[in-house]
């Protein structure tokens, strides 16, 4: 009976190997071994390492569905808390992987388009914030500056946690974070 090869298992293996070794250091052989498949199977399914990474990012990003989380309900606090919670869950799961890929783009430009989906999600959250600005609920500012103000502290905390786990700050209280964000931005 042929072995069932699941994309999710391969993506998980690719993410782990890239986190451990970086994109440059991760070989398709190592990824195949971690996924318990042959390297030939890996090439047949994905063609090359860059395509595999692109698909792994799309699958991982899609599982958290920030686009659905950034839905306008008319309650800015509820909406931004949902966005912050979804972002935080995704950052805890795949943030280090995305950060690793981002650092490798100058040496591997073929990876640039692999971040189109995550960057598109930033734009989607920016559109949600722009809607609340248009409604007169939030002060006018560039929506991407507002996204940076909302997600920036979460990003820095997550980077610190992965870089120095022994001295990292405690998790951020997301409800308090959103309340502080809104205190400085409500009209």
C-alpha atoms as a PDB file:
ATOM      1  CA  UNK A   1       0.000   0.000   0.000  1.00  0.00           C
ATOM      2  CA  UNK A   2       1.520   3.376  -1.009  1.00  0.00           C
ATOM      3  CA  UNK A   3       2.317   5.853   1.735  1.00  0.00           C
ATOM      4  CA  UNK A   4      -0.029   8.813   2.014  1.00  0.00           C
ATOM      5  CA  UNK A   5       1.940  12.032   1.684  1.00  0.00           C
ATOM      6  CA  UNK A   6       0.171  14.959   3.311  1.00  0.00           C
ATOM      7  CA  UNK A   7       1.093  18.500   2.340  1.00  0.00           C
ATOM      8  CA  UNK A   8       0.564  19.644   5.940  1.00  0.00           C
ATOM      9  CA  UNK A   9       3.223  17.192   7.159  1.00  0.00           C
ATOM     10  CA  UNK A  10       5.669  18.380   4.525  1.00  0.00           C
ATOM     11  CA  UNK A  11       4.961  22.041   5.316  1.00  0.00           C
ATOM     12  CA  UNK A  12       5.466  21.398   9.031  1.00  0.00           C
ATOM     13  CA  UNK A  13       8.797  19.704   8.292  1.00  0.00           C
ATOM     14  CA  UNK A  14       9.902  22.544   5.988  1.00  0.00           C
ATOM     15  CA  UNK A  15       8.991  25.172   8.589  1.00  0.00           C
ATOM     16  CA  UNK A  16      10.905  23.354  11.324  1.00  0.00           C
ATOM     17  CA  UNK A  17      14.018  22.779   9.221  1.00  0.00           C
ATOM     18  CA  UNK A  18      14.065  26.416   8.027  1.00  0.00           C
ATOM     19  CA  UNK A  19      13.657  27.674  11.607  1.00  0.00           C
ATOM     20  CA  UNK A  20      16.549  25.454  12.737  1.00  0.00           C
ATOM     21  CA  UNK A  21      18.920  26.020   9.808  1.00  0.00           C
ATOM     22  CA  UNK A  22      17.723  29.093   7.918  1.00  0.00           C
ATOM     23  CA  UNK A  23      16.606  28.975   4.305  1.00  0.00           C
ATOM     24  CA  UNK A  24      20.154  28.750   2.952  1.00  0.00           C
ATOM     25  CA  UNK A  25      21.117  25.992   5.361  1.00  0.00           C
ATOM     26  CA  UNK A  26      17.940  23.945   4.889  1.00  0.00           C
ATOM     27  CA  UNK A  27      18.334  21.354   2.172  1.00  0.00           C
ATOM     28  CA  UNK A  28      15.560  19.539   0.381  1.00  0.00           C
ATOM     29  CA  UNK A  29      17.109  16.305   1.632  1.00  0.00           C
ATOM     30  CA  UNK A  30      16.784  17.484   5.254  1.00  0.00           C
ATOM     31  CA  UNK A  31      13.201  18.594   4.679  1.00  0.00           C
ATOM     32  CA  UNK A  32      12.337  15.283   3.020  1.00  0.00           C
ATOM     33  CA  UNK A  33      13.895  13.330   5.897  1.00  0.00           C
ATOM     34  CA  UNK A  34      11.996  15.421   8.461  1.00  0.00           C
ATOM     35  CA  UNK A  35       8.755  14.757   6.530  1.00  0.00           C
ATOM     36  CA  UNK A  36       9.623  11.048   6.215  1.00  0.00           C
ATOM     37  CA  UNK A  37       9.418  11.102   2.425  1.00  0.00           C
ATOM     38  CA  UNK A  38      11.925  10.798  -0.387  1.00  0.00           C
ATOM     39  CA  UNK A  39      13.609  13.839  -1.841  1.00  0.00           C
ATOM     40  CA  UNK A  40      12.292  12.770  -5.257  1.00  0.00           C
ATOM     41  CA  UNK A  41       8.725  12.974  -3.921  1.00  0.00           C
ATOM     42  CA  UNK A  42       9.450  16.462  -2.635  1.00  0.00           C
ATOM     43  CA  UNK A  43      10.669  17.617  -6.059  1.00  0.00           C
ATOM     44  CA  UNK A  44       7.737  15.971  -7.863  1.00  0.00           C
ATOM     45  CA  UNK A  45       5.227  17.742  -5.608  1.00  0.00           C
ATOM     46  CA  UNK A  46       6.833  21.188  -5.426  1.00  0.00           C
ATOM     47  CA  UNK A  47       9.510  21.488  -8.094  1.00  0.00           C
ATOM     48  CA  UNK A  48      12.002  23.324  -5.899  1.00  0.00           C
ATOM     49  CA  UNK A  49      12.654  24.537  -2.377  1.00  0.00           C
ATOM     50  CA  UNK A  50      11.417  28.082  -3.036  1.00  0.00           C
ATOM     51  CA  UNK A  51       8.043  26.802  -4.291  1.00  0.00           C
ATOM     52  CA  UNK A  52       7.719  24.525  -1.263  1.00  0.00           C
ATOM     53  CA  UNK A  53       8.414  27.444   1.079  1.00  0.00           C
ATOM     54  CA  UNK A  54       5.930  29.656  -0.771  1.00  0.00           C
ATOM     55  CA  UNK A  55       3.224  26.998  -0.392  1.00  0.00           C
ATOM     56  CA  UNK A  56       4.144  26.384   3.261  1.00  0.00           C
ATOM     57  CA  UNK A  57       3.777  30.109   4.007  1.00  0.00           C
ATOM     58  CA  UNK A  58       0.429  30.291   2.181  1.00  0.00           C
ATOM     59  CA  UNK A  59      -0.888  27.250   4.057  1.00  0.00           C
ATOM     60  CA  UNK A  60       0.379  28.448   7.434  1.00  0.00           C
ATOM     61  CA  UNK A  61      -0.921  31.977   6.907  1.00  0.00           C
ATOM     62  CA  UNK A  62      -4.249  30.667   5.649  1.00  0.00           C
ATOM     63  CA  UNK A  63      -4.808  28.537   8.728  1.00  0.00           C
ATOM     64  CA  UNK A  64      -5.029  31.711  10.829  1.00  0.00           C
ATOM     65  CA  UNK A  65      -7.130  33.599   8.279  1.00  0.00           C
ATOM     66  CA  UNK A  66      -6.360  37.155   9.316  1.00  0.00           C
ATOM     67  CA  UNK A  67      -8.457  38.311   6.396  1.00  0.00           C
ATOM     68  CA  UNK A  68     -11.581  36.879   8.032  1.00  0.00           C
ATOM     69  CA  UNK A  69     -10.451  38.161  11.431  1.00  0.00           C
ATOM     70  CA  UNK A  70     -10.281  41.720  10.061  1.00  0.00           C
ATOM     71  CA  UNK A  71     -13.996  41.994   9.440  1.00  0.00           C
ATOM     72  CA  UNK A  72     -15.798  45.277  10.089  1.00  0.00           C
ATOM     73  CA  UNK A  73     -18.611  44.853  12.620  1.00  0.00           C
ATOM     74  CA  UNK A  74     -18.979  48.452  13.743  1.00  0.00           C
ATOM     75  CA  UNK A  75     -17.445  47.687  17.161  1.00  0.00           C
ATOM     76  CA  UNK A  76     -13.838  48.840  16.887  1.00  0.00           C
ATOM     77  CA  UNK A  77     -12.790  47.251  20.189  1.00  0.00           C
ATOM     78  CA  UNK A  78     -14.161  43.824  19.278  1.00  0.00           C
ATOM     79  CA  UNK A  79     -12.722  44.000  15.755  1.00  0.00           C
ATOM     80  CA  UNK A  80      -9.231  45.046  16.832  1.00  0.00           C
ATOM     81  CA  UNK A  81      -9.133  42.500  19.649  1.00  0.00           C
ATOM     82  CA  UNK A  82     -10.028  39.799  17.108  1.00  0.00           C
ATOM     83  CA  UNK A  83      -7.247  41.034  14.794  1.00  0.00           C
ATOM     84  CA  UNK A  84      -4.734  41.146  17.671  1.00  0.00           C
ATOM     85  CA  UNK A  85      -5.675  37.665  18.917  1.00  0.00           C
ATOM     86  CA  UNK A  86      -5.438  36.147  15.449  1.00  0.00           C
ATOM     87  CA  UNK A  87      -2.133  37.893  14.767  1.00  0.00           C
ATOM     88  CA  UNK A  88      -0.713  36.707  18.092  1.00  0.00           C
ATOM     89  CA  UNK A  89      -1.785  33.104  17.501  1.00  0.00           C
ATOM     90  CA  UNK A  90      -0.172  33.128  14.061  1.00  0.00           C
ATOM     91  CA  UNK A  91       2.997  34.794  15.352  1.00  0.00           C
ATOM     92  CA  UNK A  92       3.387  32.182  18.080  1.00  0.00           C
ATOM     93  CA  UNK A  93       2.946  29.386  15.549  1.00  0.00           C
ATOM     94  CA  UNK A  94       4.838  30.633  12.470  1.00  0.00           C
ATOM     95  CA  UNK A  95       6.314  34.030  13.334  1.00  0.00           C
ATOM     96  CA  UNK A  96       9.876  32.784  13.635  1.00  0.00           C
ATOM     97  CA  UNK A  97       9.561  31.036  10.269  1.00  0.00           C
ATOM     98  CA  UNK A  98       8.264  34.195   8.527  1.00  0.00           C
ATOM     99  CA  UNK A  99      10.976  36.282  10.199  1.00  0.00           C
ATOM    100  CA  UNK A 100      13.662  33.819   9.061  1.00  0.00           C
ATOM    101  CA  UNK A 101      12.392  33.925   5.463  1.00  0.00           C
ATOM    102  CA  UNK A 102      12.204  37.728   5.553  1.00  0.00           C
ATOM    103  CA  UNK A 103      15.868  37.928   6.571  1.00  0.00           C
ATOM    104  CA  UNK A 104      16.904  35.658   3.681  1.00  0.00           C
ATOM    105  CA  UNK A 105      15.186  37.650   0.891  1.00  0.00           C
ATOM    106  CA  UNK A 106      18.216  39.886   0.102  1.00  0.00           C
ATOM    107  CA  UNK A 107      20.270  36.749  -0.661  1.00  0.00           C
ATOM    108  CA  UNK A 108      17.369  34.824  -2.186  1.00  0.00           C
ATOM    109  CA  UNK A 109      15.109  37.225  -4.126  1.00  0.00           C
ATOM    110  CA  UNK A 110      13.022  34.260  -5.327  1.00  0.00           C
ATOM    111  CA  UNK A 111      11.533  34.242  -1.820  1.00  0.00           C
ATOM    112  CA  UNK A 112      10.127  37.772  -2.074  1.00  0.00           C
ATOM    113  CA  UNK A 113       6.821  36.700  -3.578  1.00  0.00           C
ATOM    114  CA  UNK A 114       6.400  34.076  -0.859  1.00  0.00           C
ATOM    115  CA  UNK A 115       5.556  36.935   1.522  1.00  0.00           C
ATOM    116  CA  UNK A 116       2.862  38.419  -0.741  1.00  0.00           C
ATOM    117  CA  UNK A 117       0.072  36.750   1.234  1.00  0.00           C
ATOM    118  CA  UNK A 118       1.259  37.826   4.711  1.00  0.00           C
ATOM    119  CA  UNK A 119       1.899  41.358   3.434  1.00  0.00           C
ATOM    120  CA  UNK A 120      -1.542  41.378   1.831  1.00  0.00           C
ATOM    121  CA  UNK A 121      -3.027  40.631   5.232  1.00  0.00           C
ATOM    122  CA  UNK A 122      -1.326  43.726   6.626  1.00  0.00           C
ATOM    123  CA  UNK A 123      -3.042  45.732   3.904  1.00  0.00           C
ATOM    124  CA  UNK A 124      -6.380  44.116   4.777  1.00  0.00           C
ATOM    125  CA  UNK A 125      -6.037  45.145   8.432  1.00  0.00           C
ATOM    126  CA  UNK A 126      -5.061  48.619   7.216  1.00  0.00           C
ATOM    127  CA  UNK A 127      -8.323  48.768   5.261  1.00  0.00           C
ATOM    128  CA  UNK A 128     -10.260  47.870   8.421  1.00  0.00           C
ATOM    129  CA  UNK A 129      -8.535  50.678  10.321  1.00  0.00           C
ATOM    130  CA  UNK A 130      -9.146  53.085   7.416  1.00  0.00           C
ATOM    131  CA  UNK A 131     -12.854  52.233   7.585  1.00  0.00           C
ATOM    132  CA  UNK A 132     -12.942  53.216  11.256  1.00  0.00           C
ATOM    133  CA  UNK A 133     -11.060  56.400  10.358  1.00  0.00           C
ATOM    134  CA  UNK A 134     -13.640  57.173   7.658  1.00  0.00           C
ATOM    135  CA  UNK A 135     -16.409  56.561  10.210  1.00  0.00           C
ATOM    136  CA  UNK A 136     -14.814  59.214  12.426  1.00  0.00           C
ATOM    137  CA  UNK A 137     -14.035  56.717  15.195  1.00  0.00           C
ATOM    138  CA  UNK A 138     -10.243  56.731  14.780  1.00  0.00           C
ATOM    139  CA  UNK A 139      -7.980  59.689  14.072  1.00  0.00           C
ATOM    140  CA  UNK A 140      -6.743  60.110  10.528  1.00  0.00           C
ATOM    141  CA  UNK A 141      -3.305  58.643   9.884  1.00  0.00           C
ATOM    142  CA  UNK A 142      -1.841  56.426   7.229  1.00  0.00           C
ATOM    143  CA  UNK A 143      -3.498  53.029   7.756  1.00  0.00           C
ATOM    144  CA  UNK A 144      -0.151  51.216   7.622  1.00  0.00           C
ATOM    145  CA  UNK A 145       1.142  53.442  10.430  1.00  0.00           C
ATOM    146  CA  UNK A 146      -1.900  52.417  12.450  1.00  0.00           C
ATOM    147  CA  UNK A 147      -1.231  48.721  11.698  1.00  0.00           C
ATOM    148  CA  UNK A 148       2.379  49.200  12.826  1.00  0.00           C
ATOM    149  CA  UNK A 149       1.211  50.828  16.052  1.00  0.00           C
ATOM    150  CA  UNK A 150      -1.242  47.981  16.696  1.00  0.00           C
ATOM    151  CA  UNK A 151       1.054  45.084  15.783  1.00  0.00           C
ATOM    152  CA  UNK A 152       4.474  46.612  16.491  1.00  0.00           C
ATOM    153  CA  UNK A 153       4.592  45.828  20.218  1.00  0.00           C
ATOM    154  CA  UNK A 154       3.368  42.295  19.517  1.00  0.00           C
ATOM    155  CA  UNK A 155       6.033  41.794  16.848  1.00  0.00           C
ATOM    156  CA  UNK A 156       8.852  43.071  19.042  1.00  0.00           C
ATOM    157  CA  UNK A 157       7.724  40.931  21.971  1.00  0.00           C
ATOM    158  CA  UNK A 158       7.596  37.841  19.766  1.00  0.00           C
ATOM    159  CA  UNK A 159      11.028  38.555  18.276  1.00  0.00           C
ATOM    160  CA  UNK A 160      12.473  39.008  21.759  1.00  0.00           C
ATOM    161  CA  UNK A 161      10.830  35.783  22.909  1.00  0.00           C
ATOM    162  CA  UNK A 162      12.364  33.778  20.060  1.00  0.00           C
ATOM    163  CA  UNK A 163      15.778  35.483  20.276  1.00  0.00           C
ATOM    164  CA  UNK A 164      16.240  35.289  24.041  1.00  0.00           C
ATOM    165  CA  UNK A 165      13.629  32.991  25.609  1.00  0.00           C
ATOM    166  CA  UNK A 166      15.176  33.216  29.077  1.00  0.00           C
ATOM    167  CA  UNK A 167      14.881  37.004  29.323  1.00  0.00           C
ATOM    168  CA  UNK A 168      11.846  37.653  27.139  1.00  0.00           C
ATOM    169  CA  UNK A 169       9.017  39.823  28.395  1.00  0.00           C
ATOM    170  CA  UNK A 170       5.805  38.151  29.534  1.00  0.00           C
ATOM    171  CA  UNK A 171       2.939  37.828  27.056  1.00  0.00           C
ATOM    172  CA  UNK A 172       1.032  40.992  26.297  1.00  0.00           C
ATOM    173  CA  UNK A 173      -2.516  41.312  27.660  1.00  0.00           C
ATOM    174  CA  UNK A 174      -4.211  41.759  24.282  1.00  0.00           C
ATOM    175  CA  UNK A 175      -7.376  43.401  25.633  1.00  0.00           C
ATOM    176  CA  UNK A 176      -5.280  45.985  27.510  1.00  0.00           C
ATOM    177  CA  UNK A 177      -3.068  46.477  24.447  1.00  0.00           C
ATOM    178  CA  UNK A 178      -6.065  47.171  22.193  1.00  0.00           C
ATOM    179  CA  UNK A 179      -7.551  49.524  24.824  1.00  0.00           C
ATOM    180  CA  UNK A 180      -4.271  51.482  24.987  1.00  0.00           C
ATOM    181  CA  UNK A 181      -4.068  51.583  21.186  1.00  0.00           C
ATOM    182  CA  UNK A 182      -7.605  52.982  21.033  1.00  0.00           C
ATOM    183  CA  UNK A 183      -6.999  55.466  23.875  1.00  0.00           C
ATOM    184  CA  UNK A 184      -4.403  57.174  21.725  1.00  0.00           C
ATOM    185  CA  UNK A 185      -6.372  56.994  18.492  1.00  0.00           C
ATOM    186  CA  UNK A 186     -10.054  57.594  19.189  1.00  0.00           C
ATOM    187  CA  UNK A 187     -11.501  60.792  17.818  1.00  0.00           C
END
